Protein backbone atom coordinates (compact mmCIF):
# COMPACT_ATOMS: atom_id res chain seq x y z
CA UNK A 1 -28.04 -27.93 -7.92
CA UNK A 2 -26.47 -27.43 -11.35
CA UNK A 3 -25.12 -30.55 -13.08
CA UNK A 4 -21.41 -30.94 -12.40
CA UNK A 5 -20.67 -31.34 -16.11
CA UNK A 6 -21.98 -27.92 -17.16
CA UNK A 7 -19.31 -25.39 -18.21
CA UNK A 8 -18.71 -22.76 -15.55
CA UNK A 9 -19.87 -20.01 -17.91
CA UNK A 10 -23.30 -21.63 -18.26
CA UNK A 11 -23.50 -22.18 -14.52
CA UNK A 12 -22.73 -18.53 -13.82
CA UNK A 13 -25.13 -17.30 -16.49
CA UNK A 14 -27.95 -19.57 -15.32
CA UNK A 15 -27.45 -18.61 -11.68
CA UNK A 16 -27.47 -14.92 -12.64
CA UNK A 17 -30.76 -15.23 -14.51
CA UNK A 18 -32.40 -17.06 -11.60
CA UNK A 19 -31.08 -14.70 -8.95
CA UNK A 20 -29.86 -11.30 -10.27
CA UNK A 21 -28.06 -9.11 -7.70
CA UNK A 22 -30.33 -6.33 -6.50
CA UNK A 23 -27.57 -3.77 -6.09
CA UNK A 24 -25.49 -4.35 -9.22
CA UNK A 25 -26.11 -2.41 -12.41
CA UNK A 26 -24.74 -4.06 -15.53
CA UNK A 27 -22.10 -1.91 -17.20
CA UNK A 28 -23.79 -0.69 -20.38
CA UNK A 29 -20.81 -1.41 -22.62
CA UNK A 30 -20.41 -5.07 -21.67
CA UNK A 31 -22.64 -7.99 -22.56
CA UNK A 32 -23.30 -10.92 -20.26
CA UNK A 33 -21.07 -13.12 -22.40
CA UNK A 34 -18.25 -10.62 -22.15
CA UNK A 35 -18.53 -10.40 -18.36
CA UNK A 36 -18.56 -14.19 -18.04
CA UNK A 37 -15.42 -14.37 -20.18
CA UNK A 38 -13.78 -11.64 -18.08
CA UNK A 39 -14.63 -13.58 -14.93
CA UNK A 40 -13.14 -16.76 -16.35
CA UNK A 41 -10.00 -14.88 -17.39
CA UNK A 42 -9.79 -13.35 -13.91
CA UNK A 43 -10.01 -16.77 -12.26
CA UNK A 44 -7.31 -18.18 -14.52
CA UNK A 45 -4.97 -15.21 -14.08
CA UNK A 46 -5.23 -15.09 -10.28
CA UNK A 47 -5.72 -18.83 -9.73
CA UNK A 48 -9.14 -18.47 -8.13
CA UNK A 49 -11.01 -21.63 -7.18
CA UNK A 50 -14.30 -21.81 -5.29
CA UNK A 51 -15.67 -24.69 -3.25
CA UNK A 52 -19.20 -24.81 -4.65
CA UNK A 53 -21.22 -23.58 -7.60
CA UNK A 54 -23.17 -21.36 -5.22
CA UNK A 55 -19.92 -19.67 -4.18
CA UNK A 56 -18.96 -19.29 -7.85
CA UNK A 57 -22.31 -17.61 -8.45
CA UNK A 58 -21.85 -15.22 -5.52
CA UNK A 59 -18.30 -14.30 -6.55
CA UNK A 60 -19.47 -13.61 -10.08
CA UNK A 61 -22.09 -11.20 -8.74
CA UNK A 62 -19.41 -9.43 -6.71
CA UNK A 63 -17.16 -9.35 -9.77
CA UNK A 64 -19.85 -7.62 -11.84
CA UNK A 65 -20.54 -5.14 -9.02
CA UNK A 66 -16.84 -4.29 -9.02
CA UNK A 67 -16.88 -3.83 -12.80
CA UNK A 68 -19.66 -1.30 -12.35
CA UNK A 69 -17.77 0.38 -9.51
CA UNK A 70 -14.64 0.59 -11.67
CA UNK A 71 -16.67 2.24 -14.41
CA UNK A 72 -17.94 4.84 -11.93
CA UNK A 73 -14.43 5.46 -10.59
CA UNK A 74 -13.16 5.97 -14.12
CA UNK A 75 -15.92 8.44 -14.91
CA UNK A 76 -15.11 10.54 -11.83
CA UNK A 77 -11.30 10.30 -12.04
CA UNK A 78 -9.57 13.69 -12.12
CA UNK A 79 -6.08 12.39 -12.89
CA UNK A 80 -4.80 9.68 -15.20
CA UNK A 81 -5.56 6.59 -13.11
CA UNK A 82 -7.15 3.60 -14.79
CA UNK A 83 -9.49 1.26 -12.94
CA UNK A 84 -10.66 -2.23 -13.75
CA UNK A 85 -10.06 -5.89 -12.96
CA UNK A 86 -7.46 -6.54 -10.25
CA UNK A 87 -6.58 -9.41 -7.91
CA UNK A 88 -9.28 -8.05 -5.56
CA UNK A 89 -12.16 -8.06 -8.04
CA UNK A 90 -14.04 -10.92 -6.37
CA UNK A 91 -14.06 -9.22 -2.94
CA UNK A 92 -16.79 -6.94 -1.68
CA UNK A 93 -15.74 -3.53 -0.37
CA UNK A 94 -16.25 -4.77 3.18
CA UNK A 95 -14.18 -7.90 2.58
CA UNK A 96 -11.39 -5.84 1.04
CA UNK A 97 -11.37 -3.48 4.02
CA UNK A 98 -11.46 -6.37 6.47
CA UNK A 99 -8.54 -8.22 4.86
CA UNK A 100 -6.23 -5.31 4.09
CA UNK A 101 -7.31 -2.26 6.11
CA UNK A 102 -5.94 -1.25 9.47
CA UNK A 103 -8.43 -2.01 12.23
CA UNK A 104 -9.58 0.29 13.58
CA UNK A 105 -8.78 3.02 11.03
CA UNK A 106 -6.09 5.38 12.26
CA UNK A 107 -7.47 8.31 14.23
CA UNK A 108 -5.96 11.61 15.42
CA UNK A 109 -4.60 11.62 18.95
CA UNK A 110 -2.96 8.20 18.80
CA UNK A 111 0.58 9.41 18.17
CA UNK A 112 2.95 8.63 21.07
CA UNK A 113 5.38 11.20 22.42
CA UNK A 114 8.31 8.91 23.19
CA UNK A 115 11.03 8.42 20.61
CA UNK A 116 10.36 11.59 18.67
CA UNK A 117 13.28 13.53 17.29
CA UNK A 118 14.02 16.65 19.33
CA UNK A 119 15.36 18.60 16.34
CA UNK A 120 13.86 19.20 12.91
CA UNK A 121 14.66 16.34 10.54
CA UNK A 122 15.10 18.56 7.51
CA UNK A 123 18.64 19.84 7.89
CA UNK A 124 18.88 21.13 4.35
CA UNK A 125 16.08 22.09 2.03
CA UNK A 126 15.89 20.33 -1.30
CA UNK A 127 14.57 22.06 -4.37
CA UNK A 128 14.48 18.91 -6.46
CA UNK A 129 11.82 18.90 -9.14
CA UNK A 130 11.67 15.11 -9.10
CA UNK A 131 13.08 12.20 -7.14
CA UNK A 132 12.99 8.41 -7.42
CA UNK A 133 15.02 6.50 -4.83
CA UNK A 134 14.43 3.27 -6.75
CA UNK A 135 16.91 4.48 -9.35
CA UNK A 136 19.62 4.73 -6.68
CA UNK A 137 18.99 1.15 -5.59
CA UNK A 138 17.91 2.41 -2.17
CA UNK A 139 14.46 0.83 -2.13
CA UNK A 140 14.17 -2.89 -1.42
CA UNK A 141 11.90 -5.16 -3.45
CA UNK A 142 8.13 -4.97 -3.17
CA UNK A 143 6.78 -7.49 -0.66
CA UNK A 144 3.39 -9.20 -0.39
CA UNK A 145 1.72 -9.17 3.02
CA UNK A 146 -0.75 -11.90 2.01
CA UNK A 147 -4.43 -11.99 2.92
CA UNK A 148 -4.38 -13.29 6.49
CA UNK A 149 -2.38 -10.57 8.27
CA UNK A 150 -3.12 -6.83 8.38
CA UNK A 151 0.57 -6.06 8.37
CA UNK A 152 0.89 -3.13 5.94
CA UNK A 153 2.09 -0.98 8.86
CA UNK A 154 4.94 -3.41 9.62
CA UNK A 155 5.97 -3.68 5.97
CA UNK A 156 6.00 0.13 5.70
CA UNK A 157 8.12 0.33 8.88
CA UNK A 158 10.62 -2.20 7.52
CA UNK A 159 10.84 -0.67 4.02
CA UNK A 160 11.44 2.78 5.48
CA UNK A 161 14.29 1.51 7.68
CA UNK A 162 15.84 -0.54 4.88
CA UNK A 163 15.87 2.41 2.48
CA UNK A 164 17.41 4.75 5.04
CA UNK A 165 20.17 2.25 5.82
CA UNK A 166 20.93 2.01 2.11
CA UNK A 167 21.10 5.79 1.78
CA UNK A 168 22.83 6.87 5.01
CA UNK A 169 24.99 3.85 5.82
CA UNK A 170 25.43 2.39 2.31
CA UNK A 171 24.65 -1.01 3.81
CA UNK A 172 21.88 -3.14 2.27
CA UNK A 173 19.46 -4.61 4.76
CA UNK A 174 16.41 -6.86 4.65
CA UNK A 175 14.94 -6.64 8.12
CA UNK A 176 12.40 -8.90 9.78
CA UNK A 177 8.83 -7.74 9.26
CA UNK A 178 7.65 -10.61 11.45
CA UNK A 179 9.73 -9.37 14.37
CA UNK A 180 8.02 -5.98 14.11
CA UNK A 181 4.61 -7.68 14.09
CA UNK A 182 5.41 -9.97 17.01
CA UNK A 183 7.22 -7.51 19.26
CA UNK A 184 5.38 -4.21 18.73
CA UNK A 185 2.02 -5.82 19.51
CA UNK A 186 2.38 -9.04 21.50
CA UNK A 187 0.36 -11.66 19.58
CA UNK A 188 -1.82 -8.92 18.02
CA UNK A 189 0.28 -7.39 15.21
CA UNK A 190 -1.68 -9.12 12.44
CA UNK A 191 -4.82 -7.37 13.70
CA UNK A 192 -3.42 -4.06 12.49
CA UNK A 193 -1.10 -1.48 13.97
CA UNK A 194 0.71 1.82 13.58
CA UNK A 195 4.07 2.59 12.02
CA UNK A 196 5.22 4.65 15.01
CA UNK A 197 4.65 1.65 17.28
CA UNK A 198 6.92 -0.30 14.97
CA UNK A 199 9.63 2.35 15.30
CA UNK A 200 9.24 2.40 19.09
CA UNK A 201 9.65 -1.37 19.20
CA UNK A 202 12.86 -1.14 17.16
CA UNK A 203 14.20 1.58 19.45
CA UNK A 204 13.31 -0.32 22.62
CA UNK A 205 14.92 -3.55 21.39
CA UNK A 206 18.02 -1.82 19.93
CA UNK A 207 17.39 -2.99 16.38
CA UNK A 208 15.94 -5.69 14.19
CA UNK A 209 17.01 -9.14 13.07
CA UNK A 210 17.42 -10.01 9.42
CA UNK A 211 14.49 -11.46 7.50
CA UNK A 212 16.31 -14.77 6.91
CA UNK A 213 16.83 -15.33 10.63
CA UNK A 214 13.30 -14.24 11.52
CA UNK A 215 11.14 -14.92 8.42
CA UNK A 216 7.65 -13.66 7.71
CA UNK A 217 4.88 -16.15 8.50
CA UNK A 218 1.90 -13.81 8.27
CA UNK A 219 0.21 -14.70 11.55
CA UNK A 220 0.27 -13.62 15.17
CA UNK A 221 2.88 -15.29 17.35
CA UNK A 222 5.01 -14.65 20.44
CA UNK A 223 7.90 -12.20 20.18
CA UNK A 224 11.02 -14.29 19.62
CA UNK A 225 13.89 -12.05 20.62
CA UNK A 226 16.26 -15.02 20.77
CA UNK A 227 16.14 -15.36 17.00
CA UNK A 228 19.61 -14.21 15.91
CA UNK A 229 21.56 -11.02 16.44
CA UNK A 230 20.25 -7.52 15.87
CA UNK A 231 21.51 -6.10 12.59
CA UNK A 232 19.69 -2.83 12.09
CA UNK A 233 19.08 0.00 14.54
CA UNK A 234 17.53 3.45 14.14
CA UNK A 235 18.36 6.73 15.87
CA UNK A 236 14.77 7.81 16.41
CA UNK A 237 11.73 8.71 14.35
CA UNK A 238 9.78 11.82 13.51
CA UNK A 239 6.20 12.71 12.67
CA UNK A 240 6.35 15.15 9.77
CA UNK A 241 4.30 18.33 9.21
CA UNK A 242 1.17 18.11 7.08
CA UNK A 243 2.86 20.06 4.31
CA UNK A 244 3.45 18.27 1.02
CA UNK A 245 6.21 20.65 -0.08
CA UNK A 246 8.05 19.90 3.16
CA UNK A 247 7.43 16.16 2.69
CA UNK A 248 8.93 16.33 -0.79
CA UNK A 249 12.02 18.05 0.61
CA UNK A 250 12.42 15.37 3.27
CA UNK A 251 12.00 12.58 0.70
CA UNK A 252 14.57 14.17 -1.62
CA UNK A 253 17.16 15.06 1.04
CA UNK A 254 16.74 12.25 3.58
CA UNK A 255 14.97 9.33 1.90
CA UNK A 256 11.58 7.54 1.69
CA UNK A 257 8.95 8.16 4.38
CA UNK A 258 5.88 6.22 5.50
CA UNK A 259 2.36 7.59 5.23
CA UNK A 260 -1.23 6.63 5.98
CA UNK A 261 -4.00 7.03 3.44
CA UNK A 262 -7.53 6.02 2.53
CA UNK A 263 -7.11 2.83 0.46
CA UNK A 264 -10.67 2.51 -0.88
CA UNK A 265 -9.89 3.27 -4.53
CA UNK A 266 -6.87 0.97 -4.54
CA UNK A 267 -9.09 -2.10 -4.80
CA UNK A 268 -9.78 -1.34 -8.48
CA UNK A 269 -6.57 0.57 -9.32
CA UNK A 270 -4.56 -0.66 -12.30
CA UNK A 271 -2.16 2.17 -13.24
CA UNK A 272 -1.74 5.92 -13.64
CA UNK A 273 -1.92 8.87 -11.26
CA UNK A 274 -4.83 8.86 -8.80
CA UNK A 275 -6.56 12.17 -8.24
CA UNK A 276 -9.89 12.04 -6.44
CA UNK A 277 -12.25 14.68 -5.06
CA UNK A 278 -12.12 14.70 -1.25
CA UNK A 279 -15.71 13.50 -0.94
CA UNK A 280 -14.79 10.42 -2.98
CA UNK A 281 -11.67 9.57 -0.94
CA UNK A 282 -11.97 11.05 2.54
CA UNK A 283 -8.67 12.31 4.00
CA UNK A 284 -9.99 11.48 7.48
CA UNK A 285 -10.48 7.73 6.96
CA UNK A 286 -6.90 6.47 7.06
CA UNK A 287 -6.72 2.69 6.92
CA UNK A 288 -3.55 1.72 5.05
CA UNK A 289 0.19 2.29 5.50
CA UNK A 290 2.53 2.78 2.53
CA UNK A 291 5.98 4.20 1.71
CA UNK A 292 6.58 7.33 -0.39
CA UNK A 293 9.76 6.66 -2.40
CA UNK A 294 9.74 9.65 -4.76
CA UNK A 295 7.80 12.29 -6.63
CA UNK A 296 7.56 13.96 -10.02
CA UNK A 297 5.52 16.07 -12.40
CA UNK A 298 3.55 15.30 -15.53
CA UNK A 299 4.84 17.47 -18.35
CA UNK A 300 2.34 19.59 -20.21
CA UNK A 301 0.89 18.10 -23.35
CA UNK A 302 -1.95 19.46 -25.40
CA UNK A 303 -5.25 18.08 -24.16
CA UNK A 304 -3.74 15.94 -21.39
CA UNK A 305 -3.79 16.18 -17.61
CA UNK A 306 -0.80 17.83 -15.97
CA UNK A 307 0.15 17.89 -12.31
CA UNK A 308 2.44 16.62 -9.58
CA UNK A 309 2.46 13.16 -8.07
CA UNK A 310 3.93 10.89 -5.41
CA UNK A 311 5.55 7.52 -6.20
CA UNK A 312 4.38 5.08 -3.53
CA UNK A 313 5.40 1.53 -2.66
CA UNK A 314 2.65 -0.84 -1.55
CA UNK A 315 2.83 -4.26 0.14
CA UNK A 316 0.53 -6.27 -2.13
CA UNK A 317 3.16 -7.86 -4.36
CA UNK A 318 4.60 -6.97 -7.75
CA UNK A 319 1.53 -8.15 -9.65
CA UNK A 320 -0.63 -5.32 -8.32
CA UNK A 321 -0.68 -1.77 -9.69
CA UNK A 322 2.48 -0.53 -11.40
CA UNK A 323 4.69 -3.48 -10.45
CA UNK A 324 3.72 -3.07 -6.81
CA UNK A 325 3.70 0.75 -6.84
CA UNK A 326 1.10 3.42 -7.50
CA UNK A 327 1.14 7.14 -8.15
CA UNK A 328 -1.00 9.66 -6.31
CA UNK A 329 -1.70 13.33 -6.93
CA UNK A 330 0.64 15.58 -4.92
CA UNK A 331 -0.35 18.93 -3.44
CA UNK A 332 -3.99 18.46 -2.47
CA UNK A 333 -3.74 15.88 0.34
CA UNK A 334 -5.40 13.30 -1.91
CA UNK A 335 -6.84 10.43 0.16
CA UNK A 336 -5.20 11.93 3.27
CA UNK A 337 -1.61 11.17 2.17
CA UNK A 338 -0.17 14.13 4.14
CA UNK A 339 -2.06 13.59 7.40
CA UNK A 340 0.35 11.20 9.16
CA UNK A 341 3.71 10.98 7.42
CA UNK A 342 6.29 9.40 9.73
CA UNK A 343 9.88 8.35 9.16
CA UNK A 344 12.67 6.64 11.02
CA UNK A 345 15.91 8.56 11.54
CA UNK A 346 19.17 6.89 10.50
CA UNK A 347 22.24 9.07 10.88
CA UNK A 348 25.05 9.14 8.31
CA UNK A 349 27.93 6.78 8.97
CA UNK A 350 30.42 9.62 8.53
CA UNK A 351 32.49 7.66 6.05
CA UNK A 352 30.55 8.41 2.89
CA UNK A 353 28.29 11.21 1.74
CA UNK A 354 24.73 9.99 1.09
CA UNK A 355 23.91 9.93 -2.62
CA UNK A 356 21.47 12.49 -4.04
CA UNK A 357 18.05 11.26 -5.07
CA UNK A 358 18.04 10.59 -8.83
CA UNK A 359 15.55 12.63 -10.85
CA UNK A 360 12.92 11.09 -13.07
């Protein structure tokens, strides 16, 4: 056992020398001292504490493995994304998937038939070159699902409904994510779920309570339908075609939509536009639910990458990515973003015309 009075940097360095990780290659541009300092900075920034020196040693090895993985991601990046240290840098890939991925990953054939819209959602085609519903105040604040509940699907369900109420009813809403978790999957919602099951639950219960009346606790519990009145209903939901031009038109003309994607590269994502080759981010392994809130294009500049992108809201808090958001290449089904796009339907109130989506 290392003496308790030794600085953590010496403990980590000594443990590394005695037991180097077999699968981690040291990034060639970083010295051991630099990596130890980065690890200490990471722990301070994200308030990481470990129970024993052995655990500190193991987490440092994982941290260095993730540094190497970030370097490889950066070398193979086709867009403008930057990878590096994030709040998840002391988790293995398996731990990250276990804590934040849907279980099991979403598979074709699991879409229900009830509740689907009978008519096409897109009533008017939009030719908008860019769109950002955040600028209209339609998108509610980024939430943090925590680490103990695989509730990304419920947060995506709630954010979609909230945005559509802002756009089509001009009424701000903060709905209960916990009610979706509890009532769509009785005592199992924190084990993972599907957005369309969330919409079905809302339809079957004639709406959702507000988040203050039914707050998020981040664990499985019994559906508590007695908790306050229902404040937000939907008129149905629709599974959208796997066509990114069509998706952009729906986003621009109707509002944000939910989508599933492969979240693997998000563990090390810091900022920029993600564009990955399909073999590096399979479009068939869909294990995370998010909300597309807009889209845009990168203007041509000499020597720089140009292309189209989605603006996507995540549920990992404002201190991840681009203040809780990330951008993803648009037009090539990157990471499977177009495979299962689903949205609630909220009809106009009839009193006011919905605002257009502001351009970027």
